[in-house]
Amino acid sequence: MVHGWFLAAFAFSFRKNLGRFPWILVAIIPFFFAGYLSAALAALFLVLAIQRRKGPADLLAAGGLAILLFCELFYLADNMGEIYYRMNTVFKLYIGAWMLCGTAAALMAGDELDAFITRYQGLKVRIIQCTFILLLSLCLIVPPVAVSTMHGPHTPTLDGMAWLMNSHKEDAEAIAFLRTLPGEHVIVEAAGDDYQYTSRVSSFTGIPTIVGWQFHEYMWRGNTPEGWYGVRGNDIRTIYENPDLTIPLMEQYKADLLYVGPEERLRYNISIPTRNLRELYKNRDVIIYQHDFSLDLPISGNAVTR
């Protein structure tokens, strides 16, 4: 269904070529008898596009169909599990295939409509032409309206941090400060599950943290040693909640910065030691502590040795 409309446009555009060169059907035989019906359909239109080579539309269609055919035959076996093995391959490649096939289908539809208008004249043709223009105009309204409805009022921008300043101002200000720090660091921040507001500090600053989205860490890094990502998540909790182990665990992971913000207070019962930490940065909701005093880092606000 994702590419059904595009394949329908391809079928209509290639109809004469298929009737003129029926031998092209041979391309689908191995896929059909192997049970790969989707691959057979993609292979058929791919061969038709390569055979015709009439213009940019055929080139774009061939590129998109080649990606679809590839995804039917090959996939990256990641740690998602057997029934989800194809998910990431399809997820990463189908976007490009959709754009190529969609553009090709639009060009082919335009060519067919232009040929129809050239061949026939009269009121009925004009009505069809005006209807097509009206439908196309309505489609052009969808993107801006959908974006405004789904994401709320905003000023369009290429700045990926703009939303952060609107929704998490204190985090945004603290992150901006961290991005000015010289040298290399490791920061402790809240660990969490996928697609949640965690790992935001390391993501926006590039400063490594102890563990990110835990299932993603497992999926892409593997499970050796077994359960390592869970151990790190538990160690982060211990850093925030057990003041006797805060410094030893930070030193174990070579972390010199400790971030305490709204997300950390939400997830942990914060209890950090009163010594061997100093406030490097502070605003209304965020405190960043420094452990390694040998690093001469600029301090924002009042420095407090703990």
C-alpha atoms as a PDB file:
ATOM      1  CA  MET A   1       0.000   0.000   0.000  1.00  0.00           C
ATOM      2  CA  VAL A   2       2.878   2.382   0.678  1.00  0.00           C
ATOM      3  CA  HIS A   3       3.922   2.385  -2.980  1.00  0.00           C
ATOM      4  CA  GLY A   4       0.621   1.214  -4.518  1.00  0.00           C
ATOM      5  CA  TRP A   5      -0.318   4.539  -6.096  1.00  0.00           C
ATOM      6  CA  PHE A   6       3.128   4.864  -7.618  1.00  0.00           C
ATOM      7  CA  LEU A   7       3.024   1.346  -9.057  1.00  0.00           C
ATOM      8  CA  ALA A   8      -0.411   2.090 -10.533  1.00  0.00           C
ATOM      9  CA  ALA A   9       1.060   5.145 -12.291  1.00  0.00           C
ATOM     10  CA  PHE A  10       3.972   3.031 -13.537  1.00  0.00           C
ATOM     11  CA  ALA A  11       1.613   0.334 -14.839  1.00  0.00           C
ATOM     12  CA  PHE A  12      -0.419   2.888 -16.789  1.00  0.00           C
ATOM     13  CA  SER A  13       2.691   4.557 -18.198  1.00  0.00           C
ATOM     14  CA  PHE A  14       4.391   1.277 -19.164  1.00  0.00           C
ATOM     15  CA  ARG A  15       1.266  -0.412 -20.586  1.00  0.00           C
ATOM     16  CA  LYS A  16       2.291  -0.014 -24.234  1.00  0.00           C
ATOM     17  CA  ASN A  17       5.860  -1.172 -23.607  1.00  0.00           C
ATOM     18  CA  LEU A  18       4.666  -4.323 -21.885  1.00  0.00           C
ATOM     19  CA  GLY A  19       2.389  -5.141 -24.810  1.00  0.00           C
ATOM     20  CA  ARG A  20       5.212  -4.505 -27.273  1.00  0.00           C
ATOM     21  CA  PHE A  21       7.850  -6.483 -25.350  1.00  0.00           C
ATOM     22  CA  PRO A  22       6.079  -9.366 -23.541  1.00  0.00           C
ATOM     23  CA  TRP A  23       9.425 -11.121 -23.007  1.00  0.00           C
ATOM     24  CA  ILE A  24       9.982  -8.726 -20.126  1.00  0.00           C
ATOM     25  CA  LEU A  25       7.627 -10.909 -18.084  1.00  0.00           C
ATOM     26  CA  VAL A  26      10.478 -13.427 -17.877  1.00  0.00           C
ATOM     27  CA  ALA A  27      12.064 -11.134 -15.256  1.00  0.00           C
ATOM     28  CA  ILE A  28       9.375 -11.958 -12.697  1.00  0.00           C
ATOM     29  CA  ILE A  29       9.463 -15.759 -13.056  1.00  0.00           C
ATOM     30  CA  PRO A  30      12.206 -16.575 -10.485  1.00  0.00           C
ATOM     31  CA  PHE A  31      10.719 -14.227  -7.895  1.00  0.00           C
ATOM     32  CA  PHE A  32       7.161 -15.441  -8.506  1.00  0.00           C
ATOM     33  CA  PHE A  33       7.945 -19.117  -8.060  1.00  0.00           C
ATOM     34  CA  ALA A  34      10.143 -18.403  -5.045  1.00  0.00           C
ATOM     35  CA  GLY A  35       7.160 -16.753  -3.365  1.00  0.00           C
ATOM     36  CA  TYR A  36       8.498 -13.176  -3.528  1.00  0.00           C
ATOM     37  CA  LEU A  37       5.440 -11.552  -5.108  1.00  0.00           C
ATOM     38  CA  SER A  38       6.408  -8.012  -4.081  1.00  0.00           C
ATOM     39  CA  ALA A  39       9.896  -8.541  -5.499  1.00  0.00           C
ATOM     40  CA  ALA A  40       8.364  -9.880  -8.731  1.00  0.00           C
ATOM     41  CA  LEU A  41       6.276  -6.724  -9.123  1.00  0.00           C
ATOM     42  CA  ALA A  42       9.242  -4.436  -8.416  1.00  0.00           C
ATOM     43  CA  ALA A  43      11.432  -6.416 -10.847  1.00  0.00           C
ATOM     44  CA  LEU A  44       8.826  -6.140 -13.613  1.00  0.00           C
ATOM     45  CA  PHE A  45       8.582  -2.354 -13.443  1.00  0.00           C
ATOM     46  CA  LEU A  46      12.346  -2.020 -12.959  1.00  0.00           C
ATOM     47  CA  VAL A  47      13.042  -3.882 -16.213  1.00  0.00           C
ATOM     48  CA  LEU A  48      10.368  -1.823 -17.998  1.00  0.00           C
ATOM     49  CA  ALA A  49      11.943   1.436 -16.796  1.00  0.00           C
ATOM     50  CA  ILE A  50      15.434   0.325 -17.838  1.00  0.00           C
ATOM     51  CA  GLN A  51      14.171  -0.897 -21.216  1.00  0.00           C
ATOM     52  CA  ARG A  52      12.318   2.314 -22.057  1.00  0.00           C
ATOM     53  CA  ARG A  53      14.845   4.902 -20.780  1.00  0.00           C
ATOM     54  CA  LYS A  54      12.723   7.724 -22.160  1.00  0.00           C
ATOM     55  CA  GLY A  55      13.665  10.443 -19.708  1.00  0.00           C
ATOM     56  CA  PRO A  56      14.289  11.484 -16.107  1.00  0.00           C
ATOM     57  CA  ALA A  57      11.075   9.823 -14.907  1.00  0.00           C
ATOM     58  CA  ASP A  58      12.306   6.394 -15.995  1.00  0.00           C
ATOM     59  CA  LEU A  59      15.677   6.971 -14.329  1.00  0.00           C
ATOM     60  CA  LEU A  60      14.037   8.001 -11.056  1.00  0.00           C
ATOM     61  CA  ALA A  61      11.611   5.094 -11.202  1.00  0.00           C
ATOM     62  CA  ALA A  62      14.449   2.643 -11.830  1.00  0.00           C
ATOM     63  CA  GLY A  63      16.341   3.976  -8.815  1.00  0.00           C
ATOM     64  CA  GLY A  64      13.344   3.712  -6.500  1.00  0.00           C
ATOM     65  CA  LEU A  65      12.342   0.271  -7.756  1.00  0.00           C
ATOM     66  CA  ALA A  66      15.906  -1.004  -7.391  1.00  0.00           C
ATOM     67  CA  ILE A  67      15.813   0.004  -3.717  1.00  0.00           C
ATOM     68  CA  LEU A  68      12.472  -1.766  -3.229  1.00  0.00           C
ATOM     69  CA  LEU A  69      13.794  -4.904  -4.890  1.00  0.00           C
ATOM     70  CA  PHE A  70      16.938  -4.783  -2.752  1.00  0.00           C
ATOM     71  CA  CYS A  71      14.863  -4.545   0.440  1.00  0.00           C
ATOM     72  CA  GLU A  72      12.873  -7.620  -0.582  1.00  0.00           C
ATOM     73  CA  LEU A  73      16.039  -9.697  -0.942  1.00  0.00           C
ATOM     74  CA  PHE A  74      18.520  -8.328   1.606  1.00  0.00           C
ATOM     75  CA  TYR A  75      18.394  -6.909   5.117  1.00  0.00           C
ATOM     76  CA  LEU A  76      20.664  -6.104   8.030  1.00  0.00           C
ATOM     77  CA  ALA A  77      20.199  -8.676  10.816  1.00  0.00           C
ATOM     78  CA  ASP A  78      20.450  -6.430  13.878  1.00  0.00           C
ATOM     79  CA  ASN A  79      19.470  -7.125  17.488  1.00  0.00           C
ATOM     80  CA  MET A  80      15.806  -6.232  17.015  1.00  0.00           C
ATOM     81  CA  GLY A  81      14.876  -9.935  16.952  1.00  0.00           C
ATOM     82  CA  GLU A  82      13.885 -12.314  14.185  1.00  0.00           C
ATOM     83  CA  ILE A  83      10.427 -10.939  13.341  1.00  0.00           C
ATOM     84  CA  TYR A  84      11.844  -7.393  13.204  1.00  0.00           C
ATOM     85  CA  TYR A  85      15.055  -8.128  11.296  1.00  0.00           C
ATOM     86  CA  ARG A  86      13.933  -6.213   8.189  1.00  0.00           C
ATOM     87  CA  MET A  87      12.581  -3.231  10.089  1.00  0.00           C
ATOM     88  CA  ASN A  88      15.692  -1.045  10.131  1.00  0.00           C
ATOM     89  CA  THR A  89      16.648  -1.858   6.534  1.00  0.00           C
ATOM     90  CA  VAL A  90      13.174  -0.897   5.326  1.00  0.00           C
ATOM     91  CA  PHE A  91      13.024   2.091   7.669  1.00  0.00           C
ATOM     92  CA  LYS A  92      16.306   3.529   6.413  1.00  0.00           C
ATOM     93  CA  LEU A  93      15.889   2.830   2.670  1.00  0.00           C
ATOM     94  CA  TYR A  94      12.161   3.158   1.978  1.00  0.00           C
ATOM     95  CA  ILE A  95      12.224   6.928   2.495  1.00  0.00           C
ATOM     96  CA  GLY A  96      14.585   7.338  -0.464  1.00  0.00           C
ATOM     97  CA  ALA A  97      12.577   4.849  -2.522  1.00  0.00           C
ATOM     98  CA  TRP A  98       9.351   6.717  -1.739  1.00  0.00           C
ATOM     99  CA  MET A  99      10.830  10.031  -2.876  1.00  0.00           C
ATOM    100  CA  LEU A 100      12.240   8.578  -6.109  1.00  0.00           C
ATOM    101  CA  CYS A 101       9.092   6.627  -6.985  1.00  0.00           C
ATOM    102  CA  GLY A 102       6.816   9.508  -5.998  1.00  0.00           C
ATOM    103  CA  THR A 103       8.672  12.004  -8.179  1.00  0.00           C
ATOM    104  CA  ALA A 104       8.752   9.553 -11.087  1.00  0.00           C
ATOM    105  CA  ALA A 105       5.032   8.802 -10.744  1.00  0.00           C
ATOM    106  CA  ALA A 106       4.200  12.526 -10.737  1.00  0.00           C
ATOM    107  CA  LEU A 107       6.257  13.090 -13.900  1.00  0.00           C
ATOM    108  CA  MET A 108       4.642  10.123 -15.636  1.00  0.00           C
ATOM    109  CA  ALA A 109       1.161  11.280 -14.641  1.00  0.00           C
ATOM    110  CA  GLY A 110       1.952  14.727 -16.032  1.00  0.00           C
ATOM    111  CA  ASP A 111       3.149  13.248 -19.326  1.00  0.00           C
ATOM    112  CA  GLU A 112      -0.010  11.150 -19.643  1.00  0.00           C
ATOM    113  CA  LEU A 113      -2.257  14.117 -18.882  1.00  0.00           C
ATOM    114  CA  ASP A 114      -0.390  16.310 -21.360  1.00  0.00           C
ATOM    115  CA  ALA A 115      -0.746  13.661 -24.063  1.00  0.00           C
ATOM    116  CA  PHE A 116      -4.461  13.327 -23.302  1.00  0.00           C
ATOM    117  CA  ILE A 117      -5.059  17.084 -23.545  1.00  0.00           C
ATOM    118  CA  THR A 118      -3.075  17.284 -26.784  1.00  0.00           C
ATOM    119  CA  ARG A 119      -5.014  14.389 -28.306  1.00  0.00           C
ATOM    120  CA  TYR A 120      -8.490  15.524 -27.313  1.00  0.00           C
ATOM    121  CA  GLN A 121     -10.143  18.929 -27.255  1.00  0.00           C
ATOM    122  CA  GLY A 122     -13.441  20.237 -25.983  1.00  0.00           C
ATOM    123  CA  LEU A 123     -15.319  21.080 -22.815  1.00  0.00           C
ATOM    124  CA  LYS A 124     -14.886  17.660 -21.193  1.00  0.00           C
ATOM    125  CA  VAL A 125     -11.133  17.859 -21.537  1.00  0.00           C
ATOM    126  CA  ARG A 126     -11.098  21.324 -19.988  1.00  0.00           C
ATOM    127  CA  ILE A 127     -13.190  20.073 -17.076  1.00  0.00           C
ATOM    128  CA  ILE A 128     -10.742  17.215 -16.495  1.00  0.00           C
ATOM    129  CA  GLN A 129      -7.830  19.637 -16.712  1.00  0.00           C
ATOM    130  CA  CYS A 130      -9.376  22.066 -14.223  1.00  0.00           C
ATOM    131  CA  THR A 131     -10.293  19.214 -11.869  1.00  0.00           C
ATOM    132  CA  PHE A 132      -6.718  17.960 -11.914  1.00  0.00           C
ATOM    133  CA  ILE A 133      -5.369  21.454 -11.180  1.00  0.00           C
ATOM    134  CA  LEU A 134      -7.856  21.842  -8.315  1.00  0.00           C
ATOM    135  CA  LEU A 135      -6.895  18.495  -6.780  1.00  0.00           C
ATOM    136  CA  LEU A 136      -3.201  19.321  -7.108  1.00  0.00           C
ATOM    137  CA  SER A 137      -3.758  22.704  -5.454  1.00  0.00           C
ATOM    138  CA  LEU A 138      -5.562  21.033  -2.549  1.00  0.00           C
ATOM    139  CA  CYS A 139      -2.634  18.645  -2.138  1.00  0.00           C
ATOM    140  CA  LEU A 140      -0.236  21.588  -1.908  1.00  0.00           C
ATOM    141  CA  ILE A 141      -2.204  22.938   1.058  1.00  0.00           C
ATOM    142  CA  VAL A 142      -1.671  19.770   3.090  1.00  0.00           C
ATOM    143  CA  PRO A 143       2.057  20.137   4.029  1.00  0.00           C
ATOM    144  CA  PRO A 144       1.919  23.581   5.695  1.00  0.00           C
ATOM    145  CA  VAL A 145      -1.432  22.883   7.377  1.00  0.00           C
ATOM    146  CA  ALA A 146      -0.307  19.466   8.628  1.00  0.00           C
ATOM    147  CA  VAL A 147       2.948  20.823  10.057  1.00  0.00           C
ATOM    148  CA  SER A 148       1.136  23.639  11.860  1.00  0.00           C
ATOM    149  CA  THR A 149      -1.528  21.275  13.230  1.00  0.00           C
ATOM    150  CA  MET A 150       0.852  18.561  14.404  1.00  0.00           C
ATOM    151  CA  HIS A 151       3.633  20.710  15.843  1.00  0.00           C
ATOM    152  CA  GLY A 152       1.812  23.840  16.934  1.00  0.00           C
ATOM    153  CA  PRO A 153       2.653  27.472  16.145  1.00  0.00           C
ATOM    154  CA  HIS A 154       6.316  28.062  15.520  1.00  0.00           C
ATOM    155  CA  THR A 155       8.739  29.991  13.377  1.00  0.00           C
ATOM    156  CA  PRO A 156      10.265  27.782  10.667  1.00  0.00           C
ATOM    157  CA  THR A 157      13.998  27.363  11.227  1.00  0.00           C
ATOM    158  CA  LEU A 158      16.922  25.084  10.465  1.00  0.00           C
ATOM    159  CA  ASP A 159      18.151  25.422  14.058  1.00  0.00           C
ATOM    160  CA  GLY A 160      17.654  22.029  15.703  1.00  0.00           C
ATOM    161  CA  MET A 161      17.922  23.603  19.165  1.00  0.00           C
ATOM    162  CA  ALA A 162      15.152  26.157  18.644  1.00  0.00           C
ATOM    163  CA  TRP A 163      12.438  23.847  19.993  1.00  0.00           C
ATOM    164  CA  LEU A 164      14.584  23.152  23.051  1.00  0.00           C
ATOM    165  CA  MET A 165      14.678  26.827  23.962  1.00  0.00           C
ATOM    166  CA  ASN A 166      10.871  26.962  23.756  1.00  0.00           C
ATOM    167  CA  SER A 167      10.071  23.745  25.634  1.00  0.00           C
ATOM    168  CA  HIS A 168      13.084  23.246  27.946  1.00  0.00           C
ATOM    169  CA  LYS A 169      14.638  26.684  28.332  1.00  0.00           C
ATOM    170  CA  GLU A 170      16.850  25.873  31.335  1.00  0.00           C
ATOM    171  CA  ASP A 171      18.284  22.781  29.631  1.00  0.00           C
ATOM    172  CA  ALA A 172      18.891  24.805  26.477  1.00  0.00           C
ATOM    173  CA  GLU A 173      20.831  27.460  28.394  1.00  0.00           C
ATOM    174  CA  ALA A 174      22.906  24.856  30.242  1.00  0.00           C
ATOM    175  CA  ILE A 175      23.642  23.010  27.008  1.00  0.00           C
ATOM    176  CA  ALA A 176      24.729  26.269  25.376  1.00  0.00           C
ATOM    177  CA  PHE A 177      27.194  26.768  28.250  1.00  0.00           C
ATOM    178  CA  LEU A 178      28.556  23.219  27.922  1.00  0.00           C
ATOM    179  CA  ARG A 179      29.191  23.770  24.228  1.00  0.00           C
ATOM    180  CA  THR A 180      31.627  26.551  25.119  1.00  0.00           C
ATOM    181  CA  LEU A 181      33.826  24.356  27.339  1.00  0.00           C
ATOM    182  CA  PRO A 182      37.310  23.596  26.022  1.00  0.00           C
ATOM    183  CA  GLY A 183      38.833  20.130  26.076  1.00  0.00           C
ATOM    184  CA  GLU A 184      37.322  16.658  26.280  1.00  0.00           C
ATOM    185  CA  HIS A 185      34.852  15.583  28.941  1.00  0.00           C
ATOM    186  CA  VAL A 186      32.495  12.804  29.998  1.00  0.00           C
ATOM    187  CA  ILE A 187      29.171  13.842  31.524  1.00  0.00           C
ATOM    188  CA  VAL A 188      26.712  12.000  33.754  1.00  0.00           C
ATOM    189  CA  GLU A 189      23.063  12.562  32.842  1.00  0.00           C
ATOM    190  CA  ALA A 190      19.787  10.657  33.181  1.00  0.00           C
ATOM    191  CA  ALA A 191      19.542   7.341  31.352  1.00  0.00           C
ATOM    192  CA  GLY A 192      16.236   6.271  29.856  1.00  0.00           C
ATOM    193  CA  ASP A 193      14.317   4.364  27.260  1.00  0.00           C
ATOM    194  CA  ASP A 194      14.125   5.012  23.534  1.00  0.00           C
ATOM    195  CA  TYR A 195      12.353   8.077  22.145  1.00  0.00           C
ATOM    196  CA  GLN A 196      12.146   9.797  25.509  1.00  0.00           C
ATOM    197  CA  TYR A 197      13.640  13.080  26.649  1.00  0.00           C
ATOM    198  CA  THR A 198      16.900  11.501  27.806  1.00  0.00           C
ATOM    199  CA  SER A 199      20.482  11.693  26.523  1.00  0.00           C
ATOM    200  CA  ARG A 200      19.600  15.215  25.460  1.00  0.00           C
ATOM    201  CA  VAL A 201      22.770  16.765  26.918  1.00  0.00           C
ATOM    202  CA  SER A 202      25.184  14.413  25.176  1.00  0.00           C
ATOM    203  CA  SER A 203      23.139  14.633  21.961  1.00  0.00           C
ATOM    204  CA  PHE A 204      23.231  18.426  21.776  1.00  0.00           C
ATOM    205  CA  THR A 205      26.796  18.906  23.026  1.00  0.00           C
ATOM    206  CA  GLY A 206      28.658  15.895  21.652  1.00  0.00           C
ATOM    207  CA  ILE A 207      30.050  15.212  25.140  1.00  0.00           C
ATOM    208  CA  PRO A 208      30.056  11.434  25.771  1.00  0.00           C
ATOM    209  CA  THR A 209      27.871  10.060  28.539  1.00  0.00           C
ATOM    210  CA  ILE A 210      27.845   6.728  30.384  1.00  0.00           C
ATOM    211  CA  VAL A 211      24.912   5.244  28.476  1.00  0.00           C
ATOM    212  CA  GLY A 212      22.301   6.608  26.090  1.00  0.00           C
ATOM    213  CA  TRP A 213      18.970   5.112  25.038  1.00  0.00           C
ATOM    214  CA  GLN A 214      19.473   1.694  26.536  1.00  0.00           C
ATOM    215  CA  PHE A 215      17.710  -0.481  23.958  1.00  0.00           C
ATOM    216  CA  HIS A 216      19.405   1.392  21.104  1.00  0.00           C
ATOM    217  CA  GLU A 217      22.733   0.865  22.843  1.00  0.00           C
ATOM    218  CA  TYR A 218      22.006  -2.877  23.033  1.00  0.00           C
ATOM    219  CA  MET A 219      20.688  -3.032  19.478  1.00  0.00           C
ATOM    220  CA  TRP A 220      23.688  -1.397  17.825  1.00  0.00           C
ATOM    221  CA  ARG A 221      26.535  -2.299  20.213  1.00  0.00           C
ATOM    222  CA  GLY A 222      25.423  -5.826  21.071  1.00  0.00           C
ATOM    223  CA  ASN A 223      25.129  -7.528  24.436  1.00  0.00           C
ATOM    224  CA  THR A 224      28.765  -8.250  25.268  1.00  0.00           C
ATOM    225  CA  PRO A 225      29.343  -8.422  28.168  1.00  0.00           C
ATOM    226  CA  GLU A 226      25.795  -9.562  28.841  1.00  0.00           C
ATOM    227  CA  GLY A 227      23.584  -6.878  30.358  1.00  0.00           C
ATOM    228  CA  TRP A 228      26.247  -4.162  30.239  1.00  0.00           C
ATOM    229  CA  TYR A 229      23.777  -1.424  29.301  1.00  0.00           C
ATOM    230  CA  GLY A 230      21.589  -2.280  32.311  1.00  0.00           C
ATOM    231  CA  VAL A 231      24.615  -2.192  34.597  1.00  0.00           C
ATOM    232  CA  ARG A 232      25.498   1.273  33.359  1.00  0.00           C
ATOM    233  CA  GLY A 233      21.929   2.460  33.832  1.00  0.00           C
ATOM    234  CA  ASN A 234      21.972   1.206  37.424  1.00  0.00           C
ATOM    235  CA  ASP A 235      25.350   2.857  38.013  1.00  0.00           C
ATOM    236  CA  ILE A 236      23.922   6.190  36.883  1.00  0.00           C
ATOM    237  CA  ARG A 237      21.102   5.803  39.405  1.00  0.00           C
ATOM    238  CA  THR A 238      23.678   5.033  42.094  1.00  0.00           C
ATOM    239  CA  ILE A 239      25.708   8.129  41.183  1.00  0.00           C
ATOM    240  CA  TYR A 240      22.667  10.334  41.760  1.00  0.00           C
ATOM    241  CA  GLU A 241      21.213   8.541  44.797  1.00  0.00           C
ATOM    242  CA  ASN A 242      24.175   7.191  46.815  1.00  0.00           C
ATOM    243  CA  PRO A 243      26.600   9.969  47.835  1.00  0.00           C
ATOM    244  CA  ASP A 244      29.163   7.437  49.089  1.00  0.00           C
ATOM    245  CA  LEU A 245      29.523   5.978  45.575  1.00  0.00           C
ATOM    246  CA  THR A 246      29.049   9.116  43.460  1.00  0.00           C
ATOM    247  CA  ILE A 247      32.727  10.002  43.148  1.00  0.00           C
ATOM    248  CA  PRO A 248      34.078   6.413  42.843  1.00  0.00           C
ATOM    249  CA  LEU A 249      31.647   5.624  40.021  1.00  0.00           C
ATOM    250  CA  MET A 250      32.347   8.911  38.241  1.00  0.00           C
ATOM    251  CA  GLU A 251      36.052   8.088  38.385  1.00  0.00           C
ATOM    252  CA  GLN A 252      35.370   4.557  37.150  1.00  0.00           C
ATOM    253  CA  TYR A 253      33.730   5.967  34.023  1.00  0.00           C
ATOM    254  CA  LYS A 254      36.216   8.881  33.789  1.00  0.00           C
ATOM    255  CA  ALA A 255      33.310  11.321  34.112  1.00  0.00           C
ATOM    256  CA  ASP A 256      34.283  14.816  35.204  1.00  0.00           C
ATOM    257  CA  LEU A 257      30.873  16.505  34.836  1.00  0.00           C
ATOM    258  CA  LEU A 258      27.602  15.765  36.655  1.00  0.00           C
ATOM    259  CA  TYR A 259      24.368  17.204  35.246  1.00  0.00           C
ATOM    260  CA  VAL A 260      21.385  17.716  37.542  1.00  0.00           C
ATOM    261  CA  GLY A 261      18.332  19.026  35.723  1.00  0.00           C
ATOM    262  CA  PRO A 262      14.549  18.519  35.685  1.00  0.00           C
ATOM    263  CA  GLU A 263      14.805  15.105  34.020  1.00  0.00           C
ATOM    264  CA  GLU A 264      17.307  13.856  36.606  1.00  0.00           C
ATOM    265  CA  ARG A 265      15.122  15.057  39.491  1.00  0.00           C
ATOM    266  CA  LEU A 266      12.134  13.352  37.897  1.00  0.00           C
ATOM    267  CA  ARG A 267      13.882   9.990  37.584  1.00  0.00           C
ATOM    268  CA  TYR A 268      16.115   9.897  40.661  1.00  0.00           C
ATOM    269  CA  ASN A 269      16.035  10.771  44.338  1.00  0.00           C
ATOM    270  CA  ILE A 270      18.980  13.150  44.105  1.00  0.00           C
ATOM    271  CA  SER A 271      21.525  12.823  46.910  1.00  0.00           C
ATOM    272  CA  ILE A 272      25.059  13.800  45.952  1.00  0.00           C
ATOM    273  CA  PRO A 273      28.120  14.314  48.194  1.00  0.00           C
ATOM    274  CA  THR A 274      28.953  17.611  49.831  1.00  0.00           C
ATOM    275  CA  ARG A 275      32.648  17.430  48.952  1.00  0.00           C
ATOM    276  CA  ASN A 276      34.804  16.923  45.840  1.00  0.00           C
ATOM    277  CA  LEU A 277      32.268  18.632  43.598  1.00  0.00           C
ATOM    278  CA  ARG A 278      31.905  22.255  42.652  1.00  0.00           C
ATOM    279  CA  GLU A 279      29.163  24.108  40.843  1.00  0.00           C
ATOM    280  CA  LEU A 280      30.385  24.886  37.372  1.00  0.00           C
ATOM    281  CA  TYR A 281      27.062  26.240  36.157  1.00  0.00           C
ATOM    282  CA  LYS A 282      23.695  27.023  37.711  1.00  0.00           C
ATOM    283  CA  ASN A 283      20.380  28.406  36.558  1.00  0.00           C
ATOM    284  CA  ARG A 284      16.850  28.105  37.918  1.00  0.00           C
ATOM    285  CA  ASP A 285      16.466  24.363  37.201  1.00  0.00           C
ATOM    286  CA  VAL A 286      19.930  23.057  36.265  1.00  0.00           C
ATOM    287  CA  ILE A 287      23.184  22.619  38.162  1.00  0.00           C
ATOM    288  CA  ILE A 288      26.323  21.262  36.490  1.00  0.00           C
ATOM    289  CA  TYR A 289      28.989  19.967  38.858  1.00  0.00           C
ATOM    290  CA  GLN A 290      32.677  19.477  38.103  1.00  0.00           C
ATOM    291  CA  HIS A 291      34.666  16.727  39.805  1.00  0.00           C
ATOM    292  CA  ASP A 292      38.136  16.958  38.245  1.00  0.00           C
ATOM    293  CA  PHE A 293      39.455  20.230  39.679  1.00  0.00           C
ATOM    294  CA  SER A 294      42.688  19.889  37.707  1.00  0.00           C
ATOM    295  CA  LEU A 295      40.773  21.097  34.657  1.00  0.00           C
ATOM    296  CA  ASP A 296      40.703  24.880  34.607  1.00  0.00           C
ATOM    297  CA  LEU A 297      37.159  25.313  33.314  1.00  0.00           C
ATOM    298  CA  PRO A 298      35.293  28.628  33.181  1.00  0.00           C
ATOM    299  CA  ILE A 299      32.668  28.933  35.914  1.00  0.00           C
ATOM    300  CA  SER A 300      29.256  30.447  35.300  1.00  0.00           C
ATOM    301  CA  GLY A 301      27.681  32.038  38.358  1.00  0.00           C
ATOM    302  CA  ASN A 302      28.878  31.381  41.891  1.00  0.00           C
ATOM    303  CA  ALA A 303      31.471  28.618  42.377  1.00  0.00           C
ATOM    304  CA  VAL A 304      30.718  26.418  45.336  1.00  0.00           C
ATOM    305  CA  THR A 305      33.112  23.705  46.546  1.00  0.00           C
ATOM    306  CA  ARG A 306      31.280  20.689  47.893  1.00  0.00           C
END
